[in-house]
Amino acid sequence: GSQEDSPGGTGEPHSPMSGSDAIDHLRSRLMHAEDGEQRLKVELTALRDSHAALQSQVKMALLSEASDEGEIRREMQSLRVNLKSERDIRCSLEEQTTASEQLVRELRAESIAL
């Protein structure tokens, strides 16, 4: 006796699916799809979170870069101020030197005249 087609068709692939089998099959596929969708939602949430984290990191980097630029700008400004005051001091020193040289010349001339 060969056991090829057992009567009643219980679950062999080539037996046609009964109505309740088809519904069960669809139900399990739907459950799989819902599981997949749930996993995707979780992954999407994680992606959104990491994206938000990245965005805030970029924002922080840009802010610190801007503050660095501001710091550099302030330092440049103070350097300019220092240079200007140095220049002013040098100019007044040169004027004083010129004046004292002039005074020395006048004093020499007077001492020679004496």
N, C-alpha and C. Protein backbone atom coordinates (compact mmCIF):
# COMPACT_ATOMS: atom_id res chain seq x y z
N GLY A 1 0.81 -1.20 0.00
CA GLY A 1 0.00 0.00 0.00
C GLY A 1 0.85 1.26 0.00
N SER A 2 0.62 2.10 -0.98
CA SER A 2 1.35 3.38 -1.05
C SER A 2 0.60 4.44 -0.25
N GLN A 3 1.40 5.36 0.40
CA GLN A 3 0.79 6.40 1.24
C GLN A 3 0.83 7.76 0.56
N GLU A 4 0.61 7.80 -0.76
CA GLU A 4 0.77 9.08 -1.43
C GLU A 4 -0.32 10.06 -1.07
N ASP A 5 -1.58 9.80 -1.37
CA ASP A 5 -2.66 10.71 -1.03
C ASP A 5 -3.48 10.12 0.08
N SER A 6 -3.14 10.51 1.33
CA SER A 6 -3.95 10.02 2.44
C SER A 6 -5.30 10.71 2.39
N PRO A 7 -6.37 9.99 2.51
CA PRO A 7 -7.68 10.62 2.38
C PRO A 7 -7.95 11.62 3.49
N GLY A 8 -8.65 12.70 3.15
CA GLY A 8 -8.93 13.74 4.11
C GLY A 8 -8.04 14.95 3.91
N GLY A 9 -6.95 14.81 3.19
CA GLY A 9 -6.06 15.92 2.84
C GLY A 9 -5.63 16.75 4.02
N THR A 10 -4.99 16.14 5.01
CA THR A 10 -4.58 16.88 6.21
C THR A 10 -3.20 17.50 6.03
N GLY A 11 -3.17 18.75 5.60
CA GLY A 11 -1.96 19.58 5.63
C GLY A 11 -0.89 19.29 4.63
N GLU A 12 -1.07 18.40 3.65
CA GLU A 12 -0.03 18.26 2.65
C GLU A 12 -0.04 19.49 1.74
N PRO A 13 1.15 19.91 1.24
CA PRO A 13 1.24 21.13 0.42
C PRO A 13 0.35 21.07 -0.81
N HIS A 14 0.19 19.86 -1.39
CA HIS A 14 -0.55 19.82 -2.65
C HIS A 14 -2.05 19.66 -2.44
N SER A 15 -2.48 19.53 -1.16
CA SER A 15 -3.93 19.48 -0.95
C SER A 15 -4.49 20.90 -0.95
N PRO A 16 -5.65 21.11 -1.55
CA PRO A 16 -6.21 22.47 -1.58
C PRO A 16 -6.56 22.95 -0.17
N MET A 17 -6.33 24.28 0.08
CA MET A 17 -6.55 24.84 1.39
C MET A 17 -8.05 24.99 1.65
N SER A 18 -8.47 24.56 2.83
CA SER A 18 -9.88 24.77 3.18
C SER A 18 -10.07 26.23 3.60
N GLY A 19 -11.31 26.67 3.74
CA GLY A 19 -11.60 28.05 4.09
C GLY A 19 -10.95 28.49 5.39
N SER A 20 -11.06 27.65 6.42
CA SER A 20 -10.51 28.04 7.73
C SER A 20 -8.98 28.06 7.67
N ASP A 21 -8.35 27.14 6.89
CA ASP A 21 -6.89 27.16 6.72
C ASP A 21 -6.44 28.46 6.07
N ALA A 22 -7.18 28.86 5.01
CA ALA A 22 -6.83 30.10 4.31
C ALA A 22 -6.92 31.28 5.26
N ILE A 23 -7.96 31.33 6.10
CA ILE A 23 -8.13 32.43 7.05
C ILE A 23 -7.01 32.42 8.07
N ASP A 24 -6.65 31.22 8.56
CA ASP A 24 -5.53 31.12 9.51
C ASP A 24 -4.24 31.61 8.88
N HIS A 25 -4.03 31.19 7.65
CA HIS A 25 -2.83 31.59 6.91
C HIS A 25 -2.76 33.11 6.78
N LEU A 26 -3.88 33.71 6.36
CA LEU A 26 -3.94 35.16 6.23
C LEU A 26 -3.72 35.84 7.57
N ARG A 27 -4.32 35.26 8.62
CA ARG A 27 -4.19 35.84 9.95
C ARG A 27 -2.72 35.85 10.38
N SER A 28 -2.03 34.71 10.14
CA SER A 28 -0.62 34.65 10.55
C SER A 28 0.22 35.63 9.73
N ARG A 29 -0.11 35.74 8.42
CA ARG A 29 0.61 36.72 7.59
C ARG A 29 0.37 38.13 8.10
N LEU A 30 -0.87 38.43 8.49
CA LEU A 30 -1.21 39.74 9.02
C LEU A 30 -0.45 40.01 10.31
N MET A 31 -0.36 38.98 11.17
CA MET A 31 0.38 39.14 12.42
C MET A 31 1.85 39.41 12.14
N HIS A 32 2.42 38.67 11.18
CA HIS A 32 3.81 38.91 10.78
C HIS A 32 3.98 40.35 10.29
N ALA A 33 3.04 40.78 9.45
CA ALA A 33 3.12 42.14 8.90
C ALA A 33 3.03 43.17 10.01
N GLU A 34 2.11 42.91 10.99
CA GLU A 34 1.97 43.85 12.11
C GLU A 34 3.24 43.88 12.96
N ASP A 35 3.85 42.69 13.17
CA ASP A 35 5.12 42.64 13.90
C ASP A 35 6.18 43.46 13.18
N GLY A 36 6.25 43.24 11.85
CA GLY A 36 7.22 43.98 11.04
C GLY A 36 6.99 45.48 11.14
N GLU A 37 5.70 45.86 11.08
CA GLU A 37 5.36 47.28 11.16
C GLU A 37 5.78 47.85 12.51
N GLN A 38 5.54 47.08 13.57
CA GLN A 38 5.92 47.50 14.93
C GLN A 38 7.43 47.69 15.02
N ARG A 39 8.17 46.69 14.46
CA ARG A 39 9.64 46.81 14.45
C ARG A 39 10.08 48.05 13.70
N LEU A 40 9.45 48.30 12.54
CA LEU A 40 9.79 49.47 11.74
C LEU A 40 9.51 50.76 12.51
N LYS A 41 8.36 50.78 13.23
CA LYS A 41 8.03 51.96 14.03
C LYS A 41 9.09 52.20 15.09
N VAL A 42 9.53 51.11 15.74
CA VAL A 42 10.57 51.23 16.77
C VAL A 42 11.85 51.78 16.15
N GLU A 43 12.24 51.19 15.00
CA GLU A 43 13.46 51.64 14.32
C GLU A 43 13.34 53.10 13.90
N LEU A 44 12.15 53.48 13.40
CA LEU A 44 11.92 54.85 12.97
C LEU A 44 12.05 55.81 14.14
N THR A 45 11.47 55.42 15.28
CA THR A 45 11.59 56.24 16.49
C THR A 45 13.06 56.40 16.87
N ALA A 46 13.79 55.28 16.84
CA ALA A 46 15.22 55.32 17.18
C ALA A 46 15.96 56.24 16.21
N LEU A 47 15.63 56.12 14.92
CA LEU A 47 16.25 56.97 13.91
C LEU A 47 15.96 58.44 14.17
N ARG A 48 14.67 58.72 14.46
CA ARG A 48 14.30 60.11 14.76
C ARG A 48 15.09 60.64 15.94
N ASP A 49 15.20 59.81 17.00
CA ASP A 49 15.94 60.21 18.19
C ASP A 49 17.40 60.51 17.84
N SER A 50 18.03 59.57 17.11
CA SER A 50 19.44 59.76 16.78
C SER A 50 19.61 60.96 15.85
N HIS A 51 18.64 61.17 14.97
CA HIS A 51 18.68 62.34 14.08
C HIS A 51 18.60 63.62 14.90
N ALA A 52 17.68 63.64 15.88
CA ALA A 52 17.55 64.81 16.75
C ALA A 52 18.84 65.05 17.52
N ALA A 53 19.44 63.94 18.00
CA ALA A 53 20.70 64.05 18.74
C ALA A 53 21.79 64.63 17.84
N LEU A 54 21.86 64.11 16.61
CA LEU A 54 22.84 64.62 15.65
C LEU A 54 22.63 66.09 15.38
N GLN A 55 21.34 66.47 15.16
CA GLN A 55 21.03 67.87 14.89
C GLN A 55 21.49 68.75 16.04
N SER A 56 21.24 68.30 17.28
CA SER A 56 21.63 69.13 18.42
C SER A 56 23.16 69.20 18.52
N GLN A 57 23.84 68.09 18.16
CA GLN A 57 25.31 68.11 18.15
C GLN A 57 25.82 69.12 17.13
N VAL A 58 25.21 69.09 15.93
CA VAL A 58 25.60 70.03 14.87
C VAL A 58 25.36 71.46 15.34
N LYS A 59 24.17 71.67 15.96
CA LYS A 59 23.84 73.00 16.45
C LYS A 59 24.87 73.47 17.47
N MET A 60 25.23 72.55 18.40
CA MET A 60 26.22 72.89 19.43
C MET A 60 27.57 73.22 18.78
N ALA A 61 27.95 72.41 17.78
CA ALA A 61 29.22 72.64 17.09
C ALA A 61 29.22 74.01 16.42
N LEU A 62 28.09 74.32 15.74
CA LEU A 62 27.98 75.62 15.06
C LEU A 62 28.02 76.75 16.07
N LEU A 63 27.32 76.57 17.19
CA LEU A 63 27.32 77.60 18.24
C LEU A 63 28.72 77.81 18.79
N SER A 64 29.42 76.70 19.08
CA SER A 64 30.77 76.84 19.65
C SER A 64 31.71 77.45 18.62
N GLU A 65 31.49 77.09 17.33
CA GLU A 65 32.30 77.70 16.27
C GLU A 65 32.05 79.20 16.22
N ALA A 66 30.76 79.57 16.31
CA ALA A 66 30.40 80.98 16.30
C ALA A 66 31.01 81.69 17.51
N SER A 67 30.96 81.02 18.68
CA SER A 67 31.53 81.65 19.88
C SER A 67 33.04 81.74 19.73
N ASP A 68 33.67 80.70 19.10
CA ASP A 68 35.11 80.77 18.83
C ASP A 68 35.41 81.96 17.93
N GLU A 69 34.59 82.11 16.87
CA GLU A 69 34.79 83.25 15.96
C GLU A 69 34.64 84.56 16.72
N GLY A 70 33.61 84.61 17.59
CA GLY A 70 33.40 85.81 18.40
C GLY A 70 34.59 86.09 19.28
N GLU A 71 35.12 85.01 19.89
CA GLU A 71 36.30 85.12 20.75
C GLU A 71 37.49 85.65 19.95
N ILE A 72 37.70 85.07 18.78
CA ILE A 72 38.80 85.50 17.90
C ILE A 72 38.62 86.96 17.52
N ARG A 73 37.35 87.31 17.19
CA ARG A 73 37.07 88.70 16.80
C ARG A 73 37.39 89.65 17.96
N ARG A 74 36.98 89.23 19.19
CA ARG A 74 37.26 90.07 20.37
C ARG A 74 38.77 90.22 20.57
N GLU A 75 39.49 89.09 20.44
CA GLU A 75 40.94 89.15 20.61
C GLU A 75 41.58 90.07 19.58
N MET A 76 41.11 89.95 18.33
CA MET A 76 41.63 90.82 17.27
C MET A 76 41.38 92.28 17.62
N GLN A 77 40.15 92.54 18.10
CA GLN A 77 39.79 93.91 18.46
C GLN A 77 40.71 94.43 19.56
N SER A 78 40.94 93.62 20.58
CA SER A 78 41.79 94.07 21.69
C SER A 78 43.23 94.25 21.21
N LEU A 79 43.66 93.37 20.28
CA LEU A 79 44.99 93.54 19.69
C LEU A 79 45.10 94.86 18.95
N ARG A 80 44.03 95.16 18.16
CA ARG A 80 44.03 96.43 17.44
C ARG A 80 44.11 97.61 18.40
N VAL A 81 43.31 97.53 19.48
CA VAL A 81 43.32 98.60 20.48
C VAL A 81 44.72 98.72 21.08
N ASN A 82 45.31 97.57 21.44
CA ASN A 82 46.66 97.58 22.01
C ASN A 82 47.66 98.18 21.04
N LEU A 83 47.58 97.78 19.77
CA LEU A 83 48.48 98.31 18.75
C LEU A 83 48.33 99.82 18.62
N LYS A 84 47.06 100.25 18.63
CA LYS A 84 46.80 101.69 18.49
C LYS A 84 47.39 102.45 19.68
N SER A 85 47.16 101.93 20.87
CA SER A 85 47.70 102.63 22.05
C SER A 85 49.23 102.59 22.02
N GLU A 86 49.79 101.47 21.56
CA GLU A 86 51.25 101.38 21.42
C GLU A 86 51.75 102.44 20.45
N ARG A 87 51.02 102.54 19.30
CA ARG A 87 51.38 103.52 18.29
C ARG A 87 51.30 104.94 18.87
N ASP A 88 50.20 105.18 19.63
CA ASP A 88 50.05 106.50 20.25
C ASP A 88 51.20 106.80 21.21
N ILE A 89 51.55 105.79 22.02
CA ILE A 89 52.65 105.96 22.97
C ILE A 89 53.94 106.25 22.22
N ARG A 90 54.18 105.46 21.13
CA ARG A 90 55.40 105.65 20.36
C ARG A 90 55.45 107.06 19.76
N CYS A 91 54.30 107.50 19.24
CA CYS A 91 54.24 108.85 18.66
C CYS A 91 54.56 109.90 19.71
N SER A 92 53.95 109.76 20.89
CA SER A 92 54.20 110.77 21.94
C SER A 92 55.65 110.69 22.41
N LEU A 93 56.22 109.46 22.45
CA LEU A 93 57.64 109.32 22.80
C LEU A 93 58.51 110.02 21.77
N GLU A 94 58.17 109.82 20.48
CA GLU A 94 58.94 110.47 19.43
C GLU A 94 58.85 111.98 19.55
N GLU A 95 57.62 112.46 19.85
CA GLU A 95 57.45 113.90 20.03
C GLU A 95 58.29 114.41 21.20
N GLN A 96 58.26 113.65 22.32
CA GLN A 96 59.04 114.03 23.50
C GLN A 96 60.53 114.01 23.19
N THR A 97 60.96 112.97 22.46
CA THR A 97 62.37 112.85 22.08
C THR A 97 62.77 114.03 21.22
N THR A 98 61.93 114.34 20.23
CA THR A 98 62.19 115.48 19.36
C THR A 98 62.28 116.76 20.18
N ALA A 99 61.34 116.93 21.12
CA ALA A 99 61.31 118.12 21.95
C ALA A 99 62.57 118.20 22.82
N SER A 100 62.96 117.05 23.41
CA SER A 100 64.15 117.09 24.27
C SER A 100 65.42 117.30 23.46
N GLU A 101 65.47 116.73 22.23
CA GLU A 101 66.62 116.99 21.35
C GLU A 101 66.69 118.48 21.03
N GLN A 102 65.52 119.04 20.74
CA GLN A 102 65.44 120.48 20.46
C GLN A 102 65.96 121.28 21.66
N LEU A 103 65.52 120.85 22.86
CA LEU A 103 65.93 121.52 24.09
C LEU A 103 67.44 121.41 24.28
N VAL A 104 67.97 120.17 24.03
CA VAL A 104 69.42 119.95 24.15
C VAL A 104 70.16 120.88 23.20
N ARG A 105 69.68 120.97 21.94
CA ARG A 105 70.31 121.86 20.96
C ARG A 105 70.30 123.31 21.45
N GLU A 106 69.14 123.72 21.96
CA GLU A 106 69.03 125.11 22.45
C GLU A 106 69.97 125.34 23.62
N LEU A 107 70.03 124.35 24.55
CA LEU A 107 70.90 124.49 25.71
C LEU A 107 72.36 124.57 25.26
N ARG A 108 72.73 123.70 24.26
CA ARG A 108 74.10 123.72 23.73
C ARG A 108 74.44 125.10 23.17
N ALA A 109 73.46 125.57 22.36
CA ALA A 109 73.66 126.88 21.73
C ALA A 109 73.86 127.96 22.79
N GLU A 110 73.03 127.87 23.86
CA GLU A 110 73.17 128.88 24.92
C GLU A 110 74.51 128.74 25.65
N SER A 111 74.92 127.47 25.89
CA SER A 111 76.17 127.28 26.62
C SER A 111 77.36 127.73 25.77
N ILE A 112 77.24 127.54 24.43
CA ILE A 112 78.29 128.01 23.54
C ILE A 112 78.30 129.55 23.57
N ALA A 113 77.10 130.12 23.58
CA ALA A 113 77.00 131.57 23.59
C ALA A 113 77.57 132.16 24.88
N LEU A 114 77.56 131.38 25.97
CA LEU A 114 78.08 131.89 27.23
C LEU A 114 79.60 132.10 27.19
